[in-house]
PDB file of N, CA and C in Angstrom:
ATOM      1  N   MET A   1     159.722 212.255 -30.402  1.00  0.00           N
ATOM      2  CA  MET A   1     159.671 213.085 -29.577  1.00  0.00           C
ATOM      3  C   MET A   1     161.267 212.931 -29.374  1.00  0.00           C
ATOM      4  N   ALA A   2     161.975 213.756 -29.043  1.00  0.00           N
ATOM      5  CA  ALA A   2     163.303 214.168 -28.860  1.00  0.00           C
ATOM      6  C   ALA A   2     163.913 213.778 -27.291  1.00  0.00           C
ATOM      7  N   ASP A   3     164.888 213.100 -28.238  1.00  0.00           N
ATOM      8  CA  ASP A   3     165.512 212.632 -26.248  1.00  0.00           C
ATOM      9  C   ASP A   3     165.715 213.929 -25.241  1.00  0.00           C
ATOM     10  N   THR A   4     165.720 213.085 -24.389  1.00  0.00           N
ATOM     11  CA  THR A   4     166.084 214.302 -23.128  1.00  0.00           C
ATOM     12  C   THR A   4     167.631 213.712 -22.684  1.00  0.00           C
ATOM     13  N   PRO A   5     168.339 214.952 -23.034  1.00  0.00           N
ATOM     14  CA  PRO A   5     169.899 214.562 -22.297  1.00  0.00           C
ATOM     15  C   PRO A   5     170.218 213.878 -21.733  1.00  0.00           C
ATOM     16  N   LYS A   6     171.167 213.131 -21.068  1.00  0.00           N
ATOM     17  CA  LYS A   6     171.254 211.863 -19.900  1.00  0.00           C
ATOM     18  C   LYS A   6     172.329 213.647 -19.437  1.00  0.00           C
ATOM     19  N   LYS A   7     172.225 213.414 -18.252  1.00  0.00           N
ATOM     20  CA  LYS A   7     173.039 214.645 -16.688  1.00  0.00           C
ATOM     21  C   LYS A   7     174.620 212.991 -16.797  1.00  0.00           C
ATOM     22  N   ASP A   8     175.222 213.640 -16.782  1.00  0.00           N
ATOM     23  CA  ASP A   8     176.683 212.847 -16.562  1.00  0.00           C
ATOM     24  C   ASP A   8     176.575 212.918 -15.757  1.00  0.00           C
ATOM     25  N   LYS A   9     177.395 211.989 -15.675  1.00  0.00           N
ATOM     26  CA  LYS A   9     177.463 210.587 -13.652  1.00  0.00           C
ATOM     27  C   LYS A   9     178.740 211.502 -13.540  1.00  0.00           C
ATOM     28  N   ALA A  10     178.416 212.138 -12.597  1.00  0.00           N
ATOM     29  CA  ALA A  10     179.413 212.584 -11.446  1.00  0.00           C
ATOM     30  C   ALA A  10     180.979 211.613 -11.133  1.00  0.00           C
ATOM     31  N   GLU A  11     181.953 211.696 -11.715  1.00  0.00           N
ATOM     32  CA  GLU A  11     183.111 210.924 -12.237  1.00  0.00           C
ATOM     33  C   GLU A  11     183.629 210.588 -10.415  1.00  0.00           C
ATOM     34  N   GLU A  12     183.326 210.064  -9.875  1.00  0.00           N
ATOM     35  CA  GLU A  12     184.005 209.354  -8.635  1.00  0.00           C
ATOM     36  C   GLU A  12     185.234 209.528  -8.687  1.00  0.00           C
ATOM     37  N   PRO A  13     185.801 210.419  -7.716  1.00  0.00           N
ATOM     38  CA  PRO A  13     187.457 210.192  -7.305  1.00  0.00           C
ATOM     39  C   PRO A  13     188.271 208.870  -7.531  1.00  0.00           C
ATOM     40  N   LYS A  14     189.294 209.099  -8.161  1.00  0.00           N
ATOM     41  CA  LYS A  14     190.215 208.012  -8.064  1.00  0.00           C
ATOM     42  C   LYS A  14     190.756 208.272  -7.062  1.00  0.00           C
ATOM     43  N   ILE A  15     190.952 206.306  -6.726  1.00  0.00           N
ATOM     44  CA  ILE A  15     191.381 205.539  -5.366  1.00  0.00           C
ATOM     45  C   ILE A  15     192.747 205.531  -4.959  1.00  0.00           C
ATOM     46  N   ASP A  16     193.085 205.971  -4.472  1.00  0.00           N
ATOM     47  CA  ASP A  16     194.925 205.410  -4.670  1.00  0.00           C
ATOM     48  C   ASP A  16     195.462 205.154  -3.656  1.00  0.00           C
ATOM     49  N   ILE A  17     195.460 203.743  -3.861  1.00  0.00           N
ATOM     50  CA  ILE A  17     195.904 202.633  -2.850  1.00  0.00           C
ATOM     51  C   ILE A  17     197.388 202.874  -2.802  1.00  0.00           C
ATOM     52  N   PRO A  18     198.005 202.498  -1.428  1.00  0.00           N
ATOM     53  CA  PRO A  18     199.742 202.621  -1.796  1.00  0.00           C
ATOM     54  C   PRO A  18     199.871 201.414  -2.258  1.00  0.00           C
ATOM     55  N   ALA A  19     200.893 201.368  -2.318  1.00  0.00           N
ATOM     56  CA  ALA A  19     201.977 200.191  -3.108  1.00  0.00           C
ATOM     57  C   ALA A  19     202.723 199.216  -1.656  1.00  0.00           C
ATOM     58  N   GLU A  20     202.410 199.824  -0.943  1.00  0.00           N
ATOM     59  CA  GLU A  20     202.516 199.053   0.506  1.00  0.00           C
ATOM     60  C   GLU A  20     200.750 198.118   1.184  1.00  0.00           C
ATOM     61  N   ASP A  21     200.302 198.912   0.908  1.00  0.00           N
ATOM     62  CA  ASP A  21     199.180 198.422   0.929  1.00  0.00           C
ATOM     63  C   ASP A  21     198.794 197.123   0.142  1.00  0.00           C
ATOM     64  N   VAL A  22     198.964 197.187  -1.078  1.00  0.00           N
ATOM     65  CA  VAL A  22     198.376 196.484  -2.462  1.00  0.00           C
ATOM     66  C   VAL A  22     199.858 194.975  -1.956  1.00  0.00           C
ATOM     67  N   LYS A  23     200.631 195.548  -1.905  1.00  0.00           N
ATOM     68  CA  LYS A  23     201.985 194.240  -1.599  1.00  0.00           C
ATOM     69  C   LYS A  23     201.348 192.956  -0.241  1.00  0.00           C
ATOM     70  N   LYS A  24     200.715 194.933   0.461  1.00  0.00           N
ATOM     71  CA  LYS A  24     199.991 193.650   2.104  1.00  0.00           C
ATOM     72  C   LYS A  24     199.416 192.810   1.929  1.00  0.00           C
ATOM     73  N   ALA A  25     197.862 192.919   1.458  1.00  0.00           N
ATOM     74  CA  ALA A  25     197.064 192.058   1.474  1.00  0.00           C
ATOM     75  C   ALA A  25     197.401 191.226   0.033  1.00  0.00           C
ATOM     76  N   ALA A  26     198.239 191.238  -0.843  1.00  0.00           N
ATOM     77  CA  ALA A  26     198.586 190.294  -1.888  1.00  0.00           C
ATOM     78  C   ALA A  26     199.202 189.155  -1.211  1.00  0.00           C
ATOM     79  N   ALA A  27     200.041 189.063  -0.400  1.00  0.00           N
ATOM     80  CA  ALA A  27     200.883 188.246   0.861  1.00  0.00           C
ATOM     81  C   ALA A  27     199.218 187.528   1.291  1.00  0.00           C
ATOM     82  N   LEU A  28     199.046 188.585   2.029  1.00  0.00           N
ATOM     83  CA  LEU A  28     197.630 187.798   3.137  1.00  0.00           C
ATOM     84  C   LEU A  28     197.003 187.099   2.315  1.00  0.00           C
ATOM     85  N   ILE A  29     196.793 187.417   0.570  1.00  0.00           N
ATOM     86  CA  ILE A  29     195.846 186.208  -0.131  1.00  0.00           C
ATOM     87  C   ILE A  29     196.130 185.336  -0.120  1.00  0.00           C
ATOM     88  N   LEU A  30     197.839 185.540  -0.816  1.00  0.00           N
ATOM     89  CA  LEU A  30     198.575 184.076  -1.076  1.00  0.00           C
ATOM     90  C   LEU A  30     198.228 183.379   0.687  1.00  0.00           C
ATOM     91  N   LYS A  31     198.014 183.747   1.663  1.00  0.00           N
ATOM     92  CA  LYS A  31     198.420 183.145   3.038  1.00  0.00           C
ATOM     93  C   LYS A  31     197.959 184.253   4.289  1.00  0.00           C
ATOM     94  N   PRO A  32     197.312 183.689   4.863  1.00  0.00           N
ATOM     95  CA  PRO A  32     196.050 183.045   5.045  1.00  0.00           C
ATOM     96  C   PRO A  32     194.840 182.932   4.149  1.00  0.00           C
ATOM     97  N   GLY A  33     194.708 183.751   3.318  1.00  0.00           N
ATOM     98  CA  GLY A  33     194.250 183.859   2.388  1.00  0.00           C
ATOM     99  C   GLY A  33     192.912 184.673   2.191  1.00  0.00           C
ATOM    100  N   TYR A  34     193.048 185.536   3.237  1.00  0.00           N
ATOM    101  CA  TYR A  34     192.316 186.977   3.319  1.00  0.00           C
ATOM    102  C   TYR A  34     192.470 188.110   4.285  1.00  0.00           C
ATOM    103  N   VAL A  35     191.674 189.222   3.523  1.00  0.00           N
ATOM    104  CA  VAL A  35     192.265 189.997   3.768  1.00  0.00           C
ATOM    105  C   VAL A  35     191.324 190.624   4.450  1.00  0.00           C
ATOM    106  N   THR A  36     191.249 191.404   5.979  1.00  0.00           N
ATOM    107  CA  THR A  36     189.680 192.458   6.577  1.00  0.00           C
ATOM    108  C   THR A  36     190.256 193.440   7.361  1.00  0.00           C
ATOM    109  N   LYS A  37     188.941 193.879   7.775  1.00  0.00           N
ATOM    110  CA  LYS A  37     189.912 195.266   8.040  1.00  0.00           C
ATOM    111  C   LYS A  37     190.647 195.333   9.271  1.00  0.00           C
ATOM    112  N   HIS A  38     191.514 194.365  10.244  1.00  0.00           N
ATOM    113  CA  HIS A  38     191.845 194.459  10.726  1.00  0.00           C
ATOM    114  C   HIS A  38     193.035 194.288  10.146  1.00  0.00           C
ATOM    115  N   ASP A  39     193.442 193.869   9.236  1.00  0.00           N
ATOM    116  CA  ASP A  39     194.511 194.023   8.602  1.00  0.00           C
ATOM    117  C   ASP A  39     194.863 194.869   7.721  1.00  0.00           C
ATOM    118  N   LEU A  40     193.776 196.144   7.537  1.00  0.00           N
ATOM    119  CA  LEU A  40     193.951 196.683   6.573  1.00  0.00           C
ATOM    120  C   LEU A  40     192.781 197.627   7.829  1.00  0.00           C
ATOM    121  N   PRO A  41     193.039 198.918   7.937  1.00  0.00           N
ATOM    122  CA  PRO A  41     191.553 199.399   8.564  1.00  0.00           C
ATOM    123  C   PRO A  41     191.035 200.093   7.540  1.00  0.00           C
ATOM    124  N   LYS A  42     191.404 201.313   7.068  1.00  0.00           N
ATOM    125  CA  LYS A  42     191.197 201.901   5.698  1.00  0.00           C
ATOM    126  C   LYS A  42     189.707 200.884   5.192  1.00  0.00           C
ATOM    127  N   MET A  43     189.977 199.069   5.584  1.00  0.00           N
ATOM    128  CA  MET A  43     188.886 198.186   4.660  1.00  0.00           C
ATOM    129  C   MET A  43     187.283 199.059   5.168  1.00  0.00           C
ATOM    130  N   VAL A  44     187.022 199.392   5.858  1.00  0.00           N
ATOM    131  CA  VAL A  44     185.850 199.602   6.357  1.00  0.00           C
ATOM    132  C   VAL A  44     185.335 200.945   5.918  1.00  0.00           C
ATOM    133  N   GLU A  45     186.260 201.603   4.898  1.00  0.00           N
ATOM    134  CA  GLU A  45     185.528 202.181   3.965  1.00  0.00           C
ATOM    135  C   GLU A  45     185.186 201.499   2.575  1.00  0.00           C
ATOM    136  N   LEU A  46     183.996 201.304   1.825  1.00  0.00           N
ATOM    137  CA  LEU A  46     183.275 200.306   0.960  1.00  0.00           C
ATOM    138  C   LEU A  46     184.276 201.700  -0.383  1.00  0.00           C
ATOM    139  N   PRO A  47     184.410 202.055  -0.391  1.00  0.00           N
ATOM    140  CA  PRO A  47     185.397 202.663  -1.763  1.00  0.00           C
ATOM    141  C   PRO A  47     186.564 202.059  -2.034  1.00  0.00           C
ATOM    142  N   TRP A  48     187.367 202.034  -0.718  1.00  0.00           N
ATOM    143  CA  TRP A  48     188.531 201.700  -0.457  1.00  0.00           C
ATOM    144  C   TRP A  48     188.669 200.327  -0.093  1.00  0.00           C
ATOM    145  N   ALA A  49     187.863 199.678   0.584  1.00  0.00           N
ATOM    146  CA  ALA A  49     188.141 198.392   0.414  1.00  0.00           C
ATOM    147  C   ALA A  49     187.597 197.602  -1.426  1.00  0.00           C
ATOM    148  N   THR A  50     187.330 198.377  -2.168  1.00  0.00           N
ATOM    149  CA  THR A  50     186.774 197.735  -3.518  1.00  0.00           C
ATOM    150  C   THR A  50     188.359 198.426  -4.136  1.00  0.00           C
ATOM    151  N   ALA A  51     188.804 199.898  -4.317  1.00  0.00           N
ATOM    152  CA  ALA A  51     189.493 199.451  -5.160  1.00  0.00           C
ATOM    153  C   ALA A  51     191.095 198.982  -4.783  1.00  0.00           C
ATOM    154  N   LEU A  52     191.189 198.480  -3.582  1.00  0.00           N
ATOM    155  CA  LEU A  52     191.929 197.695  -3.221  1.00  0.00           C
ATOM    156  C   LEU A  52     191.665 196.389  -3.381  1.00  0.00           C
ATOM    157  N   ALA A  53     190.579 195.429  -3.693  1.00  0.00           N
ATOM    158  CA  ALA A  53     190.632 194.488  -4.206  1.00  0.00           C
ATOM    159  C   ALA A  53     191.097 194.142  -5.314  1.00  0.00           C
ATOM    160  N   ASP A  54     190.501 195.711  -6.337  1.00  0.00           N
ATOM    161  CA  ASP A  54     191.220 195.979  -7.730  1.00  0.00           C
ATOM    162  C   ASP A  54     192.437 195.995  -8.385  1.00  0.00           C
ATOM    163  N   ALA A  55     192.980 196.265  -7.216  1.00  0.00           N
ATOM    164  CA  ALA A  55     194.615 196.691  -6.892  1.00  0.00           C
ATOM    165  C   ALA A  55     195.068 195.365  -6.707  1.00  0.00           C
ATOM    166  N   VAL A  56     194.364 194.122  -6.222  1.00  0.00           N
ATOM    167  CA  VAL A  56     195.020 193.713  -5.921  1.00  0.00           C
ATOM    168  C   VAL A  56     195.449 192.096  -6.782  1.00  0.00           C
ATOM    169  N   THR A  57     194.267 192.757  -7.603  1.00  0.00           N
ATOM    170  CA  THR A  57     194.256 191.814  -8.674  1.00  0.00           C
ATOM    171  C   THR A  57     194.711 192.179 -10.029  1.00  0.00           C
ATOM    172  N   GLN A  58     194.894 193.778 -10.455  1.00  0.00           N
ATOM    173  CA  GLN A  58     195.785 193.817 -10.956  1.00  0.00           C
ATOM    174  C   GLN A  58     197.204 193.457 -10.671  1.00  0.00           C
ATOM    175  N   HIS A  59     197.236 193.598  -9.055  1.00  0.00           N
ATOM    176  CA  HIS A  59     198.661 193.201  -8.821  1.00  0.00           C
ATOM    177  C   HIS A  59     199.112 191.489  -9.340  1.00  0.00           C
ATOM    178  N   PHE A  60     198.249 190.375  -9.256  1.00  0.00           N
ATOM    179  CA  PHE A  60     198.403 189.205  -9.979  1.00  0.00           C
ATOM    180  C   PHE A  60     198.440 189.064 -11.172  1.00  0.00           C
ATOM    181  N   LEU A  61     197.369 189.776 -11.447  1.00  0.00           N
ATOM    182  CA  LEU A  61     197.625 189.367 -13.523  1.00  0.00           C
ATOM    183  C   LEU A  61     198.573 190.521 -13.691  1.00  0.00           C
ATOM    184  N   ASN A  62     199.248 191.057 -13.371  1.00  0.00           N
ATOM    185  CA  ASN A  62     200.585 191.953 -13.841  1.00  0.00           C
ATOM    186  C   ASN A  62     201.974 191.610 -13.203  1.00  0.00           C
ATOM    187  N   ASP A  63     202.047 191.806 -12.250  1.00  0.00           N
ATOM    188  CA  ASP A  63     203.026 192.254 -11.379  1.00  0.00           C
ATOM    189  C   ASP A  63     203.188 190.693 -10.912  1.00  0.00           C
ATOM    190  N   ASP A  64     203.137 189.206 -11.037  1.00  0.00           N
ATOM    191  CA  ASP A  64     203.067 188.386 -10.417  1.00  0.00           C
ATOM    192  C   ASP A  64     202.773 187.118 -10.767  1.00  0.00           C
ATOM    193  N   ASP A  65     203.654 186.230 -11.465  1.00  0.00           N
ATOM    194  CA  ASP A  65     203.275 185.487 -12.717  1.00  0.00           C
ATOM    195  C   ASP A  65     204.360 184.060 -11.781  1.00  0.00           C
ATOM    196  N   ASP A  66     204.010 184.701 -10.824  1.00  0.00           N
ATOM    197  CA  ASP A  66     204.419 183.205 -10.044  1.00  0.00           C
ATOM    198  C   ASP A  66     203.212 182.294  -9.499  1.00  0.00           C
ATOM    199  N   HIS A  67     201.939 183.315  -9.099  1.00  0.00           N
ATOM    200  CA  HIS A  67     200.662 182.844  -8.710  1.00  0.00           C
ATOM    201  C   HIS A  67     199.940 183.409  -9.595  1.00  0.00           C
ATOM    202  N   ASP A  68     198.518 183.184  -9.184  1.00  0.00           N
ATOM    203  CA  ASP A  68     196.969 183.087 -10.073  1.00  0.00           C
ATOM    204  C   ASP A  68     195.873 182.870  -9.013  1.00  0.00           C
ATOM    205  N   PRO A  69     196.285 183.756  -8.220  1.00  0.00           N
ATOM    206  CA  PRO A  69     195.136 183.564  -6.921  1.00  0.00           C
ATOM    207  C   PRO A  69     193.546 183.614  -7.529  1.00  0.00           C
ATOM    208  N   TYR A  70     192.223 182.766  -7.204  1.00  0.00           N
ATOM    209  CA  TYR A  70     191.160 183.636  -7.540  1.00  0.00           C
ATOM    210  C   TYR A  70     190.535 184.394  -6.431  1.00  0.00           C
ATOM    211  N   VAL A  71     190.935 186.091  -6.984  1.00  0.00           N
ATOM    212  CA  VAL A  71     190.573 186.976  -5.723  1.00  0.00           C
ATOM    213  C   VAL A  71     189.208 187.239  -5.646  1.00  0.00           C
ATOM    214  N   TYR A  72     188.181 187.075  -5.457  1.00  0.00           N
ATOM    215  CA  TYR A  72     186.848 187.750  -4.439  1.00  0.00           C
ATOM    216  C   TYR A  72     186.943 188.654  -3.818  1.00  0.00           C
ATOM    217  N   PHE A  73     186.070 189.633  -3.893  1.00  0.00           N
ATOM    218  CA  PHE A  73     185.403 190.702  -2.355  1.00  0.00           C
ATOM    219  C   PHE A  73     184.474 190.206  -2.451  1.00  0.00           C
ATOM    220  N   GLU A  74     183.720 191.080  -1.005  1.00  0.00           N
ATOM    221  CA  GLU A  74     182.878 190.407  -0.665  1.00  0.00           C
ATOM    222  C   GLU A  74     182.123 191.266   0.511  1.00  0.00           C
ATOM    223  N   GLN A  75     181.256 191.229   0.762  1.00  0.00           N
ATOM    224  CA  GLN A  75     180.598 192.336   1.887  1.00  0.00           C
ATOM    225  C   GLN A  75     179.319 191.714   2.717  1.00  0.00           C
ATOM    226  N   PHE A  76     179.700 191.104   3.889  1.00  0.00           N
ATOM    227  CA  PHE A  76     178.842 190.176   4.482  1.00  0.00           C
ATOM    228  C   PHE A  76     177.623 191.393   5.266  1.00  0.00           C
ATOM    229  N   ASP A  77     176.333 191.316   5.743  1.00  0.00           N
ATOM    230  CA  ASP A  77     175.856 191.595   6.692  1.00  0.00           C
ATOM    231  C   ASP A  77     176.117 190.421   7.614  1.00  0.00           C
ATOM    232  N   TYR A  78     176.069 190.776   9.490  1.00  0.00           N
ATOM    233  CA  TYR A  78     175.526 189.804  10.636  1.00  0.00           C
ATOM    234  C   TYR A  78     174.526 190.728  11.294  1.00  0.00           C
ATOM    235  N   ALA A  79     174.688 190.257  12.417  1.00  0.00           N
ATOM    236  CA  ALA A  79     173.523 190.458  13.191  1.00  0.00           C
ATOM    237  C   ALA A  79     173.378 191.659  13.730  1.00  0.00           C
ATOM    238  N   GLY A  80     173.136 192.595  14.358  1.00  0.00           N
ATOM    239  CA  GLY A  80     172.900 194.149  14.561  1.00  0.00           C
ATOM    240  C   GLY A  80     173.135 194.519  12.827  1.00  0.00           C
ATOM    241  N   GLY A  81     173.100 194.675  12.485  1.00  0.00           N
ATOM    242  CA  GLY A  81     172.987 195.573  10.605  1.00  0.00           C
ATOM    243  C   GLY A  81     174.516 196.011  11.417  1.00  0.00           C
ATOM    244  N   ASP A  82     175.321 194.750  11.318  1.00  0.00           N
ATOM    245  CA  ASP A  82     176.397 195.252  10.533  1.00  0.00           C
ATOM    246  C   ASP A  82     177.312 195.408   9.256  1.00  0.00           C
ATOM    247  N   ILE A  83     178.058 195.812   8.707  1.00  0.00           N
ATOM    248  CA  ILE A  83     178.818 195.194   7.551  1.00  0.00           C
ATOM    249  C   ILE A  83     180.250 195.284   7.386  1.00  0.00           C
ATOM    250  N   ASP A  84     180.526 193.874   7.246  1.00  0.00           N
ATOM    251  CA  ASP A  84     181.862 193.871   7.090  1.00  0.00           C
ATOM    252  C   ASP A  84     181.877 193.398   5.490  1.00  0.00           C
ATOM    253  N   SER A  85     183.933 193.427   4.675  1.00  0.00           N
ATOM    254  CA  SER A  85     184.226 193.326   3.531  1.00  0.00           C
ATOM    255  C   SER A  85     185.617 192.379   4.134  1.00  0.00           C
ATOM    256  N   ILE A  86     185.371 191.507   3.033  1.00  0.00           N
ATOM    257  CA  ILE A  86     186.235 190.702   3.052  1.00  0.00           C
ATOM    258  C   ILE A  86     186.440 190.390   1.332  1.00  0.00           C
ATOM    259  N   ILE A  87     188.658 190.827   1.557  1.00  0.00           N
ATOM    260  CA  ILE A  87     189.023 189.976   0.081  1.00  0.00           C
ATOM    261  C   ILE A  87     189.298 188.348   0.323  1.00  0.00           C
ATOM    262  N   PHE A  88     189.236 187.586  -0.804  1.00  0.00           N
ATOM    263  CA  PHE A  88     189.352 186.275  -0.387  1.00  0.00           C
ATOM    264  C   PHE A  88     189.744 185.632  -1.592  1.00  0.00           C
ATOM    265  N   ASN A  89     190.596 184.544  -1.311  1.00  0.00           N
ATOM    266  CA  ASN A  89     191.203 183.990  -2.287  1.00  0.00           C
ATOM    267  C   ASN A  89     190.707 182.431  -2.415  1.00  0.00           C
ATOM    268  N   MET A  90     189.618 182.472  -3.328  1.00  0.00           N
ATOM    269  CA  MET A  90     189.124 180.875  -3.466  1.00  0.00           C
ATOM    270  C   MET A  90     189.312 179.700  -3.997  1.00  0.00           C
ATOM    271  N   ASP A  91     190.859 179.757  -4.073  1.00  0.00           N
ATOM    272  CA  ASP A  91     191.325 178.544  -4.468  1.00  0.00           C
ATOM    273  C   ASP A  91     191.783 177.931  -3.021  1.00  0.00           C
ATOM    274  N   VAL A  92     191.733 179.118  -1.802  1.00  0.00           N
ATOM    275  CA  VAL A  92     192.092 178.533  -0.813  1.00  0.00           C
ATOM    276  C   VAL A  92     190.476 178.543   0.182  1.00  0.00           C
ATOM    277  N   ILE A  93     189.929 179.813   0.460  1.00  0.00           N
ATOM    278  CA  ILE A  93     188.725 179.189   0.374  1.00  0.00           C
ATOM    279  C   ILE A  93     187.155 179.651   0.203  1.00  0.00           C
ATOM    280  N   PRO A  94     186.982 178.247  -0.313  1.00  0.00           N
ATOM    281  CA  PRO A  94     186.415 177.701  -1.641  1.00  0.00           C
ATOM    282  C   PRO A  94     185.104 178.240  -1.874  1.00  0.00           C
ATOM    283  N   THR A  95     184.125 178.905  -0.576  1.00  0.00           N
ATOM    284  CA  THR A  95     182.663 178.980  -0.552  1.00  0.00           C
ATOM    285  C   THR A  95     183.412 180.288   0.130  1.00  0.00           C
ATOM    286  N   ARG A  96     181.931 180.782  -0.479  1.00  0.00           N
ATOM    287  CA  ARG A  96     180.741 182.399   0.247  1.00  0.00           C
ATOM    288  C   ARG A  96     180.489 182.903   1.542  1.00  0.00           C
ATOM    289  N   ASP A  97     180.080 180.967   1.816  1.00  0.00           N
ATOM    290  CA  ASP A  97     179.782 180.741   3.373  1.00  0.00           C
ATOM    291  C   ASP A  97     180.785 180.326   4.298  1.00  0.00           C
ATOM    292  N   LYS A  98     182.392 179.885   3.642  1.00  0.00           N
ATOM    293  CA  LYS A  98     183.390 180.025   4.411  1.00  0.00           C
ATOM    294  C   LYS A  98     183.860 181.207   4.966  1.00  0.00           C
ATOM    295  N   ALA A  99     183.608 182.278   3.889  1.00  0.00           N
ATOM    296  CA  ALA A  99     184.217 183.725   3.633  1.00  0.00           C
ATOM    297  C   ALA A  99     183.302 184.045   4.935  1.00  0.00           C
ATOM    298  N   LEU A 100     182.134 184.192   5.221  1.00  0.00           N
ATOM    299  CA  LEU A 100     181.492 184.582   5.674  1.00  0.00           C
ATOM    300  C   LEU A 100     181.903 184.820   7.224  1.00  0.00           C
ATOM    301  N   GLU A 101     182.233 183.265   7.505  1.00  0.00           N
ATOM    302  CA  GLU A 101     182.312 182.728   8.551  1.00  0.00           C
ATOM    303  C   GLU A 101     183.997 183.092   9.172  1.00  0.00           C
ATOM    304  N   ILE A 102     184.699 182.477   8.175  1.00  0.00           N
ATOM    305  CA  ILE A 102     186.354 183.540   8.943  1.00  0.00           C
ATOM    306  C   ILE A 102     185.791 184.976   9.201  1.00  0.00           C
ATOM    307  N   LEU A 103     184.932 185.781   8.607  1.00  0.00           N
ATOM    308  CA  LEU A 103     185.231 187.153   8.466  1.00  0.00           C
ATOM    309  C   LEU A 103     184.593 187.352   9.659  1.00  0.00           C
ATOM    310  N   GLY A 104     183.449 186.859  10.408  1.00  0.00           N
ATOM    311  CA  GLY A 104     182.670 187.086  11.298  1.00  0.00           C
ATOM    312  C   GLY A 104     183.362 186.165  12.419  1.00  0.00           C
ATOM    313  N   HIS A 105     184.146 185.931  12.570  1.00  0.00           N
ATOM    314  CA  HIS A 105     184.970 185.509  13.523  1.00  0.00           C
ATOM    315  C   HIS A 105     186.146 186.071  13.406  1.00  0.00           C
ATOM    316  N   GLU A 106     187.363 186.700  12.874  1.00  0.00           N
ATOM    317  CA  GLU A 106     188.157 188.036  12.650  1.00  0.00           C
ATOM    318  C   GLU A 106     187.615 189.590  13.086  1.00  0.00           C
ATOM    319  N   VAL A 107     186.494 188.819  12.747  1.00  0.00           N
ATOM    320  CA  VAL A 107     186.392 190.445  13.097  1.00  0.00           C
ATOM    321  C   VAL A 107     185.243 190.666  14.734  1.00  0.00           C
ATOM    322  N   GLY A 108     184.802 189.533  14.516  1.00  0.00           N
ATOM    323  CA  GLY A 108     184.477 188.976  15.846  1.00  0.00           C
ATOM    324  C   GLY A 108     182.549 189.997  15.928  1.00  0.00           C
ATOM    325  N   GLU A 109     182.594 189.517  14.688  1.00  0.00           N
ATOM    326  CA  GLU A 109     180.885 189.534  14.417  1.00  0.00           C
ATOM    327  C   GLU A 109     180.219 188.414  14.235  1.00  0.00           C
ATOM    328  N   LYS A 110     178.615 188.511  14.869  1.00  0.00           N
ATOM    329  CA  LYS A 110     177.318 186.926  15.062  1.00  0.00           C
ATOM    330  C   LYS A 110     176.884 186.961  13.676  1.00  0.00           C
ATOM    331  N   LEU A 111     176.965 185.802  13.806  1.00  0.00           N
ATOM    332  CA  LEU A 111     176.034 185.571  12.359  1.00  0.00           C
ATOM    333  C   LEU A 111     174.594 185.422  11.665  1.00  0.00           C
ATOM    334  N   VAL A 112     174.277 185.761  11.251  1.00  0.00           N
ATOM    335  CA  VAL A 112     172.666 185.752  10.898  1.00  0.00           C
ATOM    336  C   VAL A 112     172.429 184.487  10.900  1.00  0.00           C
ATOM    337  N   THR A 113     171.738 184.134  11.446  1.00  0.00           N
ATOM    338  CA  THR A 113     171.469 182.614  11.573  1.00  0.00           C
ATOM    339  C   THR A 113     169.939 182.547  11.663  1.00  0.00           C
ATOM    340  N   PRO A 114     168.808 181.600  10.193  1.00  0.00           N
ATOM    341  CA  PRO A 114     167.574 182.051  10.155  1.00  0.00           C
ATOM    342  C   PRO A 114     166.771 180.964  11.698  1.00  0.00           C
ATOM    343  N   PRO A 115     165.714 182.230  11.557  1.00  0.00           N
ATOM    344  CA  PRO A 115     164.926 181.175  13.255  1.00  0.00           C
ATOM    345  C   PRO A 115     164.920 179.650  12.484  1.00  0.00           C
ATOM    346  N   GLU A 116     164.808 178.968  14.123  1.00  0.00           N
ATOM    347  CA  GLU A 116     164.552 177.333  13.445  1.00  0.00           C
ATOM    348  C   GLU A 116     163.783 176.881  12.998  1.00  0.00           C
ATOM    349  N   HIS A 117     162.032 177.790  13.285  1.00  0.00           N
ATOM    350  CA  HIS A 117     161.062 176.251  11.397  1.00  0.00           C
ATOM    351  C   HIS A 117     161.544 177.403  10.656  1.00  0.00           C
ATOM    352  N   VAL A 118     162.769 178.396   9.993  1.00  0.00           N
ATOM    353  CA  VAL A 118     162.702 178.236   8.738  1.00  0.00           C
ATOM    354  C   VAL A 118     164.154 177.205   8.163  1.00  0.00           C
ATOM    355  N   GLU A 119     164.688 176.720   8.900  1.00  0.00           N
ATOM    356  CA  GLU A 119     165.059 175.137   8.478  1.00  0.00           C
ATOM    357  C   GLU A 119     164.665 174.307   8.696  1.00  0.00           C
ATOM    358  N   ASN A 120     163.476 174.397   9.845  1.00  0.00           N
ATOM    359  CA  ASN A 120     163.123 173.065   9.581  1.00  0.00           C
ATOM    360  C   ASN A 120     161.341 172.931   8.205  1.00  0.00           C
ATOM    361  N   PHE A 121     161.643 173.921   7.870  1.00  0.00           N
ATOM    362  CA  PHE A 121     161.268 174.657   6.840  1.00  0.00           C
ATOM    363  C   PHE A 121     161.456 174.129   5.029  1.00  0.00           C
ATOM    364  N   ARG A 122     162.415 174.252   5.043  1.00  0.00           N
ATOM    365  CA  ARG A 122     163.779 173.768   3.976  1.00  0.00           C
ATOM    366  C   ARG A 122     164.527 172.116   4.020  1.00  0.00           C
ATOM    367  N   GLY A 123     163.754 171.480   5.989  1.00  0.00           N
ATOM    368  CA  GLY A 123     163.671 170.488   5.169  1.00  0.00           C
ATOM    369  C   GLY A 123     165.249 169.559   5.659  1.00  0.00           C
TER     370      GLY A 123
END
């Protein structure tokens, strides 16, 4: 049986992140340790936020010999179905739970909490 030719994936357009946005995000990654849509409003767009996280990581790998933060990108769900993105420094914010809490506070979202009976079941 012959192989079915694979359709080439349409290449996603490359997203260019302005140097000033990378510089601002890199500074925020160092202090206070995170970047949200309140800092850079285009982070509401997932492809842009992902490209920014990649650009910030590359900045620290290639252009900043003085700092080596553990840069992490995450999206979190909040009550009401809202999803928000955060880029954070795991050397400053060591857990995803803490990042979830900080992002929720920063963007004014309510955390999704399990019902009480689920908490009791966990014991």
